Amino acid sequence: RAAAPAGAAAAPPAKKARKPYTITKQRESWTKEEHAKFLEALQMYDRDWKKIESFVGTKTVTQIRSHAQKYFLKVLKNGTGEHVPP
């Protein structure tokens, strides 16, 4: 077997493997009460998802971040001036 020619690029370092995305629960819609709590927590805690999770009480951090992402896009699209933390 021949050795790699001099000056050949080394293989790039392997990226850390991501966990495969698995849905553990069936999707559930946000109730009016959950959304109201989410909005209240957003005012108090900005993007501190763990505190928002504790305040809402019925959703995980992942669910809250997903909800927030969709909510922020909707707010920006509609231009209604709701609070969007930096």
N, C-alpha and C. Protein backbone atom coordinates (compact mmCIF):
# COMPACT_ATOMS: atom_id res chain seq x y z
N ARG A 1 0.83 -1.19 0.00
CA ARG A 1 0.00 0.00 0.00
C ARG A 1 0.87 1.25 0.00
N ALA A 2 0.52 2.22 -0.79
CA ALA A 2 1.30 3.45 -0.85
C ALA A 2 0.82 4.41 0.22
N ALA A 3 1.76 5.14 0.79
CA ALA A 3 1.40 6.15 1.80
C ALA A 3 0.78 7.34 1.09
N ALA A 4 0.02 8.14 1.83
CA ALA A 4 -0.60 9.34 1.26
C ALA A 4 0.50 10.28 0.79
N PRO A 5 0.32 10.94 -0.35
CA PRO A 5 1.37 11.83 -0.85
C PRO A 5 1.63 12.97 0.13
N ALA A 6 2.87 13.46 0.15
CA ALA A 6 3.22 14.57 1.04
C ALA A 6 2.34 15.77 0.72
N GLY A 7 1.90 16.47 1.75
CA GLY A 7 1.07 17.66 1.54
C GLY A 7 -0.41 17.34 1.38
N ALA A 8 -0.80 16.06 1.47
CA ALA A 8 -2.22 15.70 1.36
C ALA A 8 -2.95 16.21 2.61
N ALA A 9 -4.11 16.75 2.42
CA ALA A 9 -4.88 17.31 3.54
C ALA A 9 -5.33 16.19 4.47
N ALA A 10 -5.19 16.44 5.74
CA ALA A 10 -5.68 15.48 6.73
C ALA A 10 -7.20 15.54 6.74
N ALA A 11 -7.84 14.45 7.13
CA ALA A 11 -9.31 14.45 7.20
C ALA A 11 -9.75 15.47 8.26
N PRO A 12 -10.81 16.23 7.98
CA PRO A 12 -11.27 17.22 8.98
C PRO A 12 -11.73 16.51 10.25
N PRO A 13 -11.57 17.17 11.41
CA PRO A 13 -12.00 16.53 12.66
C PRO A 13 -13.50 16.22 12.61
N ALA A 14 -13.87 15.07 13.13
CA ALA A 14 -15.27 14.65 13.10
C ALA A 14 -16.11 15.56 13.97
N LYS A 15 -17.28 15.96 13.48
CA LYS A 15 -18.21 16.78 14.27
C LYS A 15 -18.85 15.91 15.33
N LYS A 16 -19.21 16.52 16.44
CA LYS A 16 -19.90 15.79 17.50
C LYS A 16 -21.25 15.33 16.95
N ALA A 17 -21.54 14.06 17.08
CA ALA A 17 -22.79 13.52 16.54
C ALA A 17 -23.98 14.05 17.32
N ARG A 18 -25.01 14.45 16.60
CA ARG A 18 -26.24 14.92 17.25
C ARG A 18 -27.13 13.73 17.55
N LYS A 19 -27.84 13.85 18.67
CA LYS A 19 -28.81 12.81 19.01
C LYS A 19 -29.91 12.82 17.96
N PRO A 20 -30.37 11.67 17.53
CA PRO A 20 -31.48 11.69 16.57
C PRO A 20 -32.73 12.31 17.21
N TYR A 21 -33.48 13.05 16.42
CA TYR A 21 -34.67 13.73 16.93
C TYR A 21 -35.80 12.72 17.04
N THR A 22 -36.28 12.54 18.25
CA THR A 22 -37.39 11.62 18.44
C THR A 22 -38.53 12.34 19.14
N ILE A 23 -39.70 12.12 18.63
CA ILE A 23 -40.90 12.70 19.24
C ILE A 23 -41.35 11.72 20.32
N THR A 24 -41.36 12.20 21.55
CA THR A 24 -41.70 11.31 22.65
C THR A 24 -43.18 11.39 23.02
N LYS A 25 -43.81 12.50 22.65
CA LYS A 25 -45.23 12.66 22.97
C LYS A 25 -45.97 13.08 21.72
N GLN A 26 -47.25 12.81 21.70
CA GLN A 26 -48.09 13.31 20.62
C GLN A 26 -48.16 14.84 20.75
N ARG A 27 -48.19 15.53 19.64
CA ARG A 27 -48.29 17.00 19.69
C ARG A 27 -49.59 17.41 20.36
N GLU A 28 -49.48 18.43 21.20
CA GLU A 28 -50.67 18.97 21.85
C GLU A 28 -50.74 20.46 21.56
N SER A 29 -51.91 20.95 21.28
CA SER A 29 -52.08 22.38 21.07
C SER A 29 -51.93 23.10 22.40
N TRP A 30 -51.54 24.37 22.30
CA TRP A 30 -51.45 25.20 23.50
C TRP A 30 -52.84 25.73 23.82
N THR A 31 -53.25 25.62 25.06
CA THR A 31 -54.54 26.17 25.47
C THR A 31 -54.40 27.68 25.61
N LYS A 32 -55.52 28.36 25.66
CA LYS A 32 -55.50 29.82 25.87
C LYS A 32 -54.79 30.15 27.18
N GLU A 33 -55.05 29.33 28.21
CA GLU A 33 -54.44 29.56 29.53
C GLU A 33 -52.91 29.39 29.45
N GLU A 34 -52.46 28.32 28.78
CA GLU A 34 -51.02 28.09 28.65
C GLU A 34 -50.37 29.23 27.88
N HIS A 35 -51.01 29.69 26.81
CA HIS A 35 -50.45 30.79 26.02
C HIS A 35 -50.40 32.07 26.84
N ALA A 36 -51.44 32.32 27.62
CA ALA A 36 -51.47 33.52 28.47
C ALA A 36 -50.33 33.47 29.50
N LYS A 37 -50.12 32.30 30.09
CA LYS A 37 -49.01 32.14 31.05
C LYS A 37 -47.67 32.32 30.34
N PHE A 38 -47.56 31.79 29.13
CA PHE A 38 -46.34 31.94 28.34
C PHE A 38 -46.04 33.43 28.11
N LEU A 39 -47.06 34.19 27.72
CA LEU A 39 -46.87 35.63 27.47
C LEU A 39 -46.46 36.37 28.74
N GLU A 40 -47.10 36.01 29.85
CA GLU A 40 -46.79 36.64 31.13
C GLU A 40 -45.33 36.32 31.52
N ALA A 41 -44.95 35.06 31.38
CA ALA A 41 -43.59 34.64 31.73
C ALA A 41 -42.55 35.30 30.81
N LEU A 42 -42.92 35.47 29.55
CA LEU A 42 -42.02 36.11 28.58
C LEU A 42 -41.72 37.54 29.02
N GLN A 43 -42.73 38.24 29.52
CA GLN A 43 -42.55 39.61 30.01
C GLN A 43 -41.59 39.63 31.20
N MET A 44 -41.74 38.63 32.10
CA MET A 44 -40.95 38.62 33.33
C MET A 44 -39.54 38.08 33.12
N TYR A 45 -39.40 37.03 32.29
CA TYR A 45 -38.13 36.30 32.22
C TYR A 45 -37.40 36.40 30.89
N ASP A 46 -37.93 37.17 29.93
CA ASP A 46 -37.35 37.25 28.59
C ASP A 46 -37.15 35.84 28.02
N ARG A 47 -35.92 35.45 27.68
CA ARG A 47 -35.70 34.14 27.06
C ARG A 47 -35.13 33.11 28.03
N ASP A 48 -35.44 33.25 29.30
CA ASP A 48 -34.99 32.25 30.28
C ASP A 48 -36.00 31.10 30.25
N TRP A 49 -35.76 30.15 29.33
CA TRP A 49 -36.73 29.10 29.04
C TRP A 49 -37.03 28.22 30.25
N LYS A 50 -36.02 27.97 31.10
CA LYS A 50 -36.24 27.12 32.28
C LYS A 50 -37.23 27.79 33.24
N LYS A 51 -37.10 29.10 33.43
CA LYS A 51 -38.04 29.81 34.31
C LYS A 51 -39.43 29.83 33.69
N ILE A 52 -39.49 30.01 32.38
CA ILE A 52 -40.79 30.02 31.68
C ILE A 52 -41.43 28.63 31.81
N GLU A 53 -40.61 27.58 31.68
CA GLU A 53 -41.11 26.21 31.82
C GLU A 53 -41.74 26.02 33.21
N SER A 54 -41.05 26.49 34.24
CA SER A 54 -41.58 26.37 35.61
C SER A 54 -42.88 27.15 35.76
N PHE A 55 -42.93 28.34 35.16
CA PHE A 55 -44.11 29.20 35.29
C PHE A 55 -45.32 28.61 34.57
N VAL A 56 -45.10 28.14 33.33
CA VAL A 56 -46.21 27.55 32.55
C VAL A 56 -46.64 26.23 33.19
N GLY A 57 -45.65 25.40 33.52
CA GLY A 57 -45.91 24.18 34.27
C GLY A 57 -46.36 22.97 33.50
N THR A 58 -46.85 23.14 32.27
CA THR A 58 -47.39 21.99 31.53
C THR A 58 -46.63 21.70 30.24
N LYS A 59 -45.59 22.47 29.94
CA LYS A 59 -44.83 22.30 28.70
C LYS A 59 -43.34 22.20 29.01
N THR A 60 -42.62 21.48 28.13
CA THR A 60 -41.18 21.33 28.29
C THR A 60 -40.46 22.54 27.68
N VAL A 61 -39.17 22.68 28.00
CA VAL A 61 -38.36 23.76 27.44
C VAL A 61 -38.40 23.70 25.91
N THR A 62 -38.29 22.49 25.36
CA THR A 62 -38.31 22.33 23.90
C THR A 62 -39.62 22.83 23.31
N GLN A 63 -40.73 22.47 23.95
CA GLN A 63 -42.04 22.91 23.47
C GLN A 63 -42.17 24.43 23.58
N ILE A 64 -41.64 24.99 24.66
CA ILE A 64 -41.73 26.44 24.87
C ILE A 64 -40.89 27.19 23.83
N ARG A 65 -39.68 26.67 23.57
CA ARG A 65 -38.83 27.34 22.57
C ARG A 65 -39.46 27.28 21.19
N SER A 66 -40.07 26.15 20.86
CA SER A 66 -40.74 26.01 19.57
C SER A 66 -41.92 26.98 19.48
N HIS A 67 -42.70 27.05 20.54
CA HIS A 67 -43.85 27.96 20.59
C HIS A 67 -43.38 29.41 20.47
N ALA A 68 -42.31 29.73 21.17
CA ALA A 68 -41.77 31.10 21.15
C ALA A 68 -41.30 31.46 19.74
N GLN A 69 -40.61 30.52 19.08
CA GLN A 69 -40.11 30.78 17.73
C GLN A 69 -41.26 31.11 16.79
N LYS A 70 -42.33 30.33 16.85
CA LYS A 70 -43.49 30.58 15.99
C LYS A 70 -44.19 31.88 16.38
N TYR A 71 -44.28 32.13 17.69
CA TYR A 71 -44.93 33.35 18.18
C TYR A 71 -44.16 34.59 17.72
N PHE A 72 -42.82 34.57 17.84
CA PHE A 72 -42.01 35.72 17.44
C PHE A 72 -42.14 35.99 15.95
N LEU A 73 -42.15 34.92 15.14
CA LEU A 73 -42.32 35.11 13.69
C LEU A 73 -43.67 35.74 13.38
N LYS A 74 -44.71 35.28 14.07
CA LYS A 74 -46.05 35.81 13.86
C LYS A 74 -46.11 37.29 14.26
N VAL A 75 -45.51 37.63 15.39
CA VAL A 75 -45.49 39.02 15.86
C VAL A 75 -44.77 39.91 14.85
N LEU A 76 -43.60 39.45 14.38
CA LEU A 76 -42.84 40.25 13.42
C LEU A 76 -43.60 40.42 12.10
N LYS A 77 -44.27 39.34 11.67
CA LYS A 77 -45.02 39.37 10.41
C LYS A 77 -46.20 40.34 10.51
N ASN A 78 -46.91 40.27 11.65
CA ASN A 78 -48.10 41.10 11.82
C ASN A 78 -47.79 42.53 12.23
N GLY A 79 -46.58 42.74 12.78
CA GLY A 79 -46.17 44.08 13.18
C GLY A 79 -47.10 44.69 14.22
N THR A 80 -47.60 43.89 15.16
CA THR A 80 -48.55 44.41 16.14
C THR A 80 -47.88 44.97 17.38
N GLY A 81 -46.55 44.88 17.47
CA GLY A 81 -45.83 45.52 18.56
C GLY A 81 -45.80 44.80 19.88
N GLU A 82 -46.15 43.50 19.91
CA GLU A 82 -46.05 42.75 21.16
C GLU A 82 -44.59 42.65 21.58
N HIS A 83 -44.38 42.34 22.86
CA HIS A 83 -43.04 42.24 23.42
C HIS A 83 -42.28 41.05 22.83
N VAL A 84 -41.13 41.32 22.22
CA VAL A 84 -40.24 40.26 21.76
C VAL A 84 -38.88 40.51 22.43
N PRO A 85 -38.50 39.65 23.38
CA PRO A 85 -37.23 39.89 24.08
C PRO A 85 -36.04 39.79 23.13
N PRO A 86 -34.97 40.52 23.44
CA PRO A 86 -33.78 40.51 22.57
C PRO A 86 -33.11 39.15 22.52
